[in-house]
Each structure stands twice: as structure tokens, then as C-alpha cells.
PDB file of all heavy atoms in Angstrom:
ATOM      1  N   GLY A   1       0.575  -3.737  -0.155  1.00  0.00           N
ATOM      2  CA  GLY A   1       0.365  -3.117   1.180  1.00  0.00           C
ATOM      3  C   GLY A   1       1.365  -3.696   2.116  1.00  0.00           C
ATOM      4  O   GLY A   1       2.339  -4.343   1.795  1.00  0.00           O
ATOM      5  N   GLY A   2       1.149  -3.438   3.424  1.00  0.00           N
ATOM      6  CA  GLY A   2       2.153  -3.889   4.486  1.00  0.00           C
ATOM      7  C   GLY A   2       2.029  -3.010   5.688  1.00  0.00           C
ATOM      8  O   GLY A   2       1.077  -2.244   5.863  1.00  0.00           O
ATOM      9  N   ARG A   3       3.007  -3.127   6.539  1.00  0.00           N
ATOM     10  CA  ARG A   3       3.028  -2.483   7.838  1.00  0.00           C
ATOM     11  C   ARG A   3       2.897  -0.948   7.738  1.00  0.00           C
ATOM     12  O   ARG A   3       2.570  -0.280   8.653  1.00  0.00           O
ATOM     13  CB  ARG A   3       4.045  -2.840   8.858  1.00  0.00           C
ATOM     14  CG  ARG A   3       5.431  -2.501   8.296  1.00  0.00           C
ATOM     15  CD  ARG A   3       6.522  -2.579   9.428  1.00  0.00           C
ATOM     16  NE  ARG A   3       6.568  -3.820  10.136  1.00  0.00           N
ATOM     17  CZ  ARG A   3       7.586  -4.728   9.903  1.00  0.00           C
ATOM     18  NH1 ARG A   3       8.491  -4.571   8.991  1.00  0.00           N
ATOM     19  NH2 ARG A   3       7.568  -5.850  10.597  1.00  0.00           N
ATOM     20  N   MET A   4       3.350  -0.440   6.618  1.00  0.00           N
ATOM     21  CA  MET A   4       3.461   1.103   6.461  1.00  0.00           C
ATOM     22  C   MET A   4       2.066   1.645   5.909  1.00  0.00           C
ATOM     23  O   MET A   4       2.079   2.723   5.586  1.00  0.00           O
ATOM     24  CB  MET A   4       4.637   1.468   5.538  1.00  0.00           C
ATOM     25  CG  MET A   4       5.943   1.072   6.119  1.00  0.00           C
ATOM     26  SD  MET A   4       7.356   1.464   5.141  1.00  0.00           S
ATOM     27  CE  MET A   4       7.455   3.260   5.454  1.00  0.00           C
ATOM     28  N   GLU A   5       1.112   0.811   5.766  1.00  0.00           N
ATOM     29  CA  GLU A   5      -0.167   1.288   5.357  1.00  0.00           C
ATOM     30  C   GLU A   5      -0.656   2.427   6.149  1.00  0.00           C
ATOM     31  O   GLU A   5      -1.252   3.403   5.776  1.00  0.00           O
ATOM     32  CB  GLU A   5      -1.190   0.148   5.301  1.00  0.00           C
ATOM     33  CG  GLU A   5      -1.001  -0.844   4.179  1.00  0.00           C
ATOM     34  CD  GLU A   5      -2.037  -1.899   4.205  1.00  0.00           C
ATOM     35  OE1 GLU A   5      -3.211  -1.706   4.577  1.00  0.00           O
ATOM     36  OE2 GLU A   5      -1.653  -3.166   3.839  1.00  0.00           O
ATOM     37  N   THR A   6      -0.511   2.307   7.553  1.00  0.00           N
ATOM     38  CA  THR A   6      -1.138   3.307   8.487  1.00  0.00           C
ATOM     39  C   THR A   6      -0.389   4.585   8.178  1.00  0.00           C
ATOM     40  O   THR A   6      -1.034   5.721   8.268  1.00  0.00           O
ATOM     41  CB  THR A   6      -0.784   2.826   9.888  1.00  0.00           C
ATOM     42  OG1 THR A   6      -1.555   1.564  10.162  1.00  0.00           O
ATOM     43  CG2 THR A   6      -1.387   3.820  10.925  1.00  0.00           C
ATOM     44  N   ALA A   7       0.940   4.594   7.931  1.00  0.00           N
ATOM     45  CA  ALA A   7       1.713   5.815   7.635  1.00  0.00           C
ATOM     46  C   ALA A   7       1.194   6.382   6.410  1.00  0.00           C
ATOM     47  O   ALA A   7       1.172   7.683   6.273  1.00  0.00           O
ATOM     48  CB  ALA A   7       3.226   5.476   7.661  1.00  0.00           C
ATOM     49  N   LEU A   8       0.922   5.640   5.415  1.00  0.00           N
ATOM     50  CA  LEU A   8       0.458   6.127   4.070  1.00  0.00           C
ATOM     51  C   LEU A   8      -0.905   6.889   4.350  1.00  0.00           C
ATOM     52  O   LEU A   8      -1.089   7.932   3.797  1.00  0.00           O
ATOM     53  CB  LEU A   8       0.286   4.972   3.122  1.00  0.00           C
ATOM     54  CG  LEU A   8      -0.431   5.435   1.822  1.00  0.00           C
ATOM     55  CD1 LEU A   8       0.515   6.408   1.041  1.00  0.00           C
ATOM     56  CD2 LEU A   8      -0.679   4.143   0.935  1.00  0.00           C
ATOM     57  N   ALA A   9      -1.842   6.235   5.145  1.00  0.00           N
ATOM     58  CA  ALA A   9      -3.075   6.841   5.311  1.00  0.00           C
ATOM     59  C   ALA A   9      -2.919   8.128   6.137  1.00  0.00           C
ATOM     60  O   ALA A   9      -3.590   9.175   5.804  1.00  0.00           O
ATOM     61  CB  ALA A   9      -3.948   5.834   6.234  1.00  0.00           C
ATOM     62  N   ALA A  10      -1.966   8.233   7.161  1.00  0.00           N
ATOM     63  CA  ALA A  10      -1.696   9.389   7.879  1.00  0.00           C
ATOM     64  C   ALA A  10      -1.223  10.488   6.937  1.00  0.00           C
ATOM     65  O   ALA A  10      -1.392  11.816   7.248  1.00  0.00           O
ATOM     66  CB  ALA A  10      -0.817   9.162   9.036  1.00  0.00           C
ATOM     67  N   ALA A  11      -0.543  10.113   5.944  1.00  0.00           N
ATOM     68  CA  ALA A  11       0.007  11.160   4.981  1.00  0.00           C
ATOM     69  C   ALA A  11      -0.950  11.677   4.030  1.00  0.00           C
ATOM     70  O   ALA A  11      -0.731  12.577   3.243  1.00  0.00           O
ATOM     71  CB  ALA A  11       1.252  10.553   4.217  1.00  0.00           C
ATOM     72  N   GLY A  12      -2.209  10.998   4.082  1.00  0.00           N
ATOM     73  CA  GLY A  12      -3.272  11.331   3.147  1.00  0.00           C
ATOM     74  C   GLY A  12      -3.265  10.524   1.876  1.00  0.00           C
ATOM     75  O   GLY A  12      -4.037  10.870   0.889  1.00  0.00           O
ATOM     76  N   GLY A  13      -2.419   9.514   1.788  1.00  0.00           N
ATOM     77  CA  GLY A  13      -2.350   8.688   0.624  1.00  0.00           C
ATOM     78  C   GLY A  13      -3.506   7.680   0.542  1.00  0.00           C
ATOM     79  O   GLY A  13      -4.010   7.308   1.680  1.00  0.00           O
ATOM     80  N   GLU A  14      -3.710   7.177  -0.590  1.00  0.00           N
ATOM     81  CA  GLU A  14      -4.816   6.136  -0.670  1.00  0.00           C
ATOM     82  C   GLU A  14      -4.247   4.884  -1.352  1.00  0.00           C
ATOM     83  O   GLU A  14      -3.676   4.898  -2.411  1.00  0.00           O
ATOM     84  CB  GLU A  14      -5.962   6.727  -1.636  1.00  0.00           C
ATOM     85  CG  GLU A  14      -6.541   7.990  -1.094  1.00  0.00           C
ATOM     86  CD  GLU A  14      -7.450   8.695  -2.150  1.00  0.00           C
ATOM     87  OE1 GLU A  14      -8.293   7.926  -2.740  1.00  0.00           O
ATOM     88  OE2 GLU A  14      -7.226   9.891  -2.513  1.00  0.00           O
ATOM     89  N   LEU A  15      -4.419   3.739  -0.670  1.00  0.00           N
ATOM     90  CA  LEU A  15      -3.811   2.514  -1.071  1.00  0.00           C
ATOM     91  C   LEU A  15      -4.713   1.886  -2.175  1.00  0.00           C
ATOM     92  O   LEU A  15      -6.018   1.760  -1.937  1.00  0.00           O
ATOM     93  CB  LEU A  15      -3.696   1.546   0.157  1.00  0.00           C
ATOM     94  CG  LEU A  15      -3.198   0.093  -0.230  1.00  0.00           C
ATOM     95  CD1 LEU A  15      -1.760   0.137  -0.849  1.00  0.00           C
ATOM     96  CD2 LEU A  15      -3.224  -0.804   0.957  1.00  0.00           C
ATOM     97  N   VAL A  16      -4.271   1.442  -3.167  1.00  0.00           N
ATOM     98  CA  VAL A  16      -4.884   0.680  -4.244  1.00  0.00           C
ATOM     99  C   VAL A  16      -4.274  -0.748  -4.087  1.00  0.00           C
ATOM    100  O   VAL A  16      -3.121  -0.911  -4.592  1.00  0.00           O
ATOM    101  CB  VAL A  16      -4.694   1.230  -5.628  1.00  0.00           C
ATOM    102  CG1 VAL A  16      -5.281   0.261  -6.720  1.00  0.00           C
ATOM    103  CG2 VAL A  16      -5.191   2.658  -5.675  1.00  0.00           C
ATOM    104  N   ARG A  17      -5.006  -1.650  -3.455  1.00  0.00           N
ATOM    105  CA  ARG A  17      -4.339  -2.932  -3.115  1.00  0.00           C
ATOM    106  C   ARG A  17      -4.471  -3.861  -4.365  1.00  0.00           C
ATOM    107  O   ARG A  17      -5.462  -4.288  -4.762  1.00  0.00           O
ATOM    108  CB  ARG A  17      -5.133  -3.656  -1.909  1.00  0.00           C
ATOM    109  CG  ARG A  17      -4.304  -4.819  -1.291  1.00  0.00           C
ATOM    110  CD  ARG A  17      -5.050  -5.308  -0.157  1.00  0.00           C
ATOM    111  NE  ARG A  17      -5.432  -4.456   0.931  1.00  0.00           N
ATOM    112  CZ  ARG A  17      -4.596  -4.075   1.846  1.00  0.00           C
ATOM    113  NH1 ARG A  17      -3.317  -4.468   1.840  1.00  0.00           N
ATOM    114  NH2 ARG A  17      -4.901  -3.121   2.759  1.00  0.00           N
ATOM    115  N   LEU A  18      -3.196  -4.170  -4.813  1.00  0.00           N
ATOM    116  CA  LEU A  18      -3.092  -5.076  -5.942  1.00  0.00           C
ATOM    117  C   LEU A  18      -1.775  -5.832  -5.757  1.00  0.00           C
ATOM    118  O   LEU A  18      -0.852  -5.366  -5.093  1.00  0.00           O
ATOM    119  CB  LEU A  18      -2.985  -4.288  -7.277  1.00  0.00           C
ATOM    120  CG  LEU A  18      -4.383  -3.612  -7.715  1.00  0.00           C
ATOM    121  CD1 LEU A  18      -4.025  -2.566  -8.991  1.00  0.00           C
ATOM    122  CD2 LEU A  18      -5.403  -4.656  -8.181  1.00  0.00           C
ATOM    123  N   PRO A  19      -1.733  -7.056  -6.351  1.00  0.00           N
ATOM    124  CA  PRO A  19      -0.456  -7.785  -6.251  1.00  0.00           C
ATOM    125  C   PRO A  19       0.681  -7.280  -7.117  1.00  0.00           C
ATOM    126  O   PRO A  19       1.271  -7.915  -7.999  1.00  0.00           O
ATOM    127  CB  PRO A  19      -0.811  -9.148  -6.787  1.00  0.00           C
ATOM    128  CG  PRO A  19      -1.950  -8.881  -7.757  1.00  0.00           C
ATOM    129  CD  PRO A  19      -2.620  -7.689  -7.272  1.00  0.00           C
ATOM    130  N   MET A  20       1.172  -6.101  -6.741  1.00  0.00           N
ATOM    131  CA  MET A  20       2.152  -5.384  -7.499  1.00  0.00           C
ATOM    132  C   MET A  20       3.512  -6.069  -7.378  1.00  0.00           C
ATOM    133  O   MET A  20       4.490  -5.826  -8.077  1.00  0.00           O
ATOM    134  CB  MET A  20       2.263  -3.900  -7.017  1.00  0.00           C
ATOM    135  CG  MET A  20       1.074  -3.090  -7.248  1.00  0.00           C
ATOM    136  SD  MET A  20       0.241  -3.152  -8.881  1.00  0.00           S
ATOM    137  CE  MET A  20       1.571  -2.856 -10.010  1.00  0.00           C
ATOM    138  N   GLN A  21       3.702  -6.928  -6.381  1.00  0.00           N
ATOM    139  CA  GLN A  21       4.992  -7.597  -6.112  1.00  0.00           C
ATOM    140  C   GLN A  21       5.123  -8.892  -7.095  1.00  0.00           C
ATOM    141  O   GLN A  21       6.346  -9.405  -7.176  1.00  0.00           O
ATOM    142  CB  GLN A  21       5.035  -8.180  -4.726  1.00  0.00           C
ATOM    143  CG  GLN A  21       4.320  -9.443  -4.319  1.00  0.00           C
ATOM    144  CD  GLN A  21       2.854  -9.315  -4.420  1.00  0.00           C
ATOM    145  OE1 GLN A  21       2.231  -8.271  -4.486  1.00  0.00           O
ATOM    146  NE2 GLN A  21       2.184 -10.452  -4.392  1.00  0.00           N
ATOM    147  N   SER A  22       4.050  -9.215  -7.795  1.00  0.00           N
ATOM    148  CA  SER A  22       4.190 -10.520  -8.470  1.00  0.00           C
ATOM    149  C   SER A  22       5.008 -10.413  -9.730  1.00  0.00           C
ATOM    150  O   SER A  22       4.943  -9.400 -10.436  1.00  0.00           O
ATOM    151  CB  SER A  22       2.740 -10.944  -8.881  1.00  0.00           C
ATOM    152  OG  SER A  22       2.741 -12.068  -9.635  1.00  0.00           O
ATOM    153  N   LYS A  23       5.728 -11.451 -10.038  1.00  0.00           N
ATOM    154  CA  LYS A  23       6.549 -11.488 -11.285  1.00  0.00           C
ATOM    155  C   LYS A  23       5.894 -12.488 -12.275  1.00  0.00           C
ATOM    156  O   LYS A  23       6.470 -12.847 -13.263  1.00  0.00           O
ATOM    157  CB  LYS A  23       7.991 -11.886 -11.012  1.00  0.00           C
ATOM    158  CG  LYS A  23       8.640 -10.831 -10.193  1.00  0.00           C
ATOM    159  CD  LYS A  23      10.162 -11.247  -9.829  1.00  0.00           C
ATOM    160  CE  LYS A  23      10.805 -10.225  -9.086  1.00  0.00           C
ATOM    161  NZ  LYS A  23      12.247 -10.574  -8.702  1.00  0.00           N
ATOM    162  N   ASN A  24       4.770 -13.026 -11.866  1.00  0.00           N
ATOM    163  CA  ASN A  24       4.029 -14.108 -12.794  1.00  0.00           C
ATOM    164  C   ASN A  24       3.445 -13.250 -13.988  1.00  0.00           C
ATOM    165  O   ASN A  24       2.540 -12.351 -13.695  1.00  0.00           O
ATOM    166  CB  ASN A  24       2.935 -14.711 -12.003  1.00  0.00           C
ATOM    167  CG  ASN A  24       2.198 -15.717 -12.729  1.00  0.00           C
ATOM    168  OD1 ASN A  24       1.788 -15.484 -13.862  1.00  0.00           O
ATOM    169  ND2 ASN A  24       2.087 -16.881 -12.123  1.00  0.00           N
TER     170      ASN A  24
END
């Protein structure tokens, strides 16, 4: 997630919040 979450929601998208940035 991040500051563009609002734009995603406005586009009709659905956020699945997971630590996708991790390299662990």
C-alpha cells in the first residue's frame, strides 16, 4: 500500500494488503 491507495479505490480496484516489498 501507500499514498496511491485512494487512487486505486477510486479506480474500483481492491487492495490486498500484504508485505509484497519484502525480500526476506
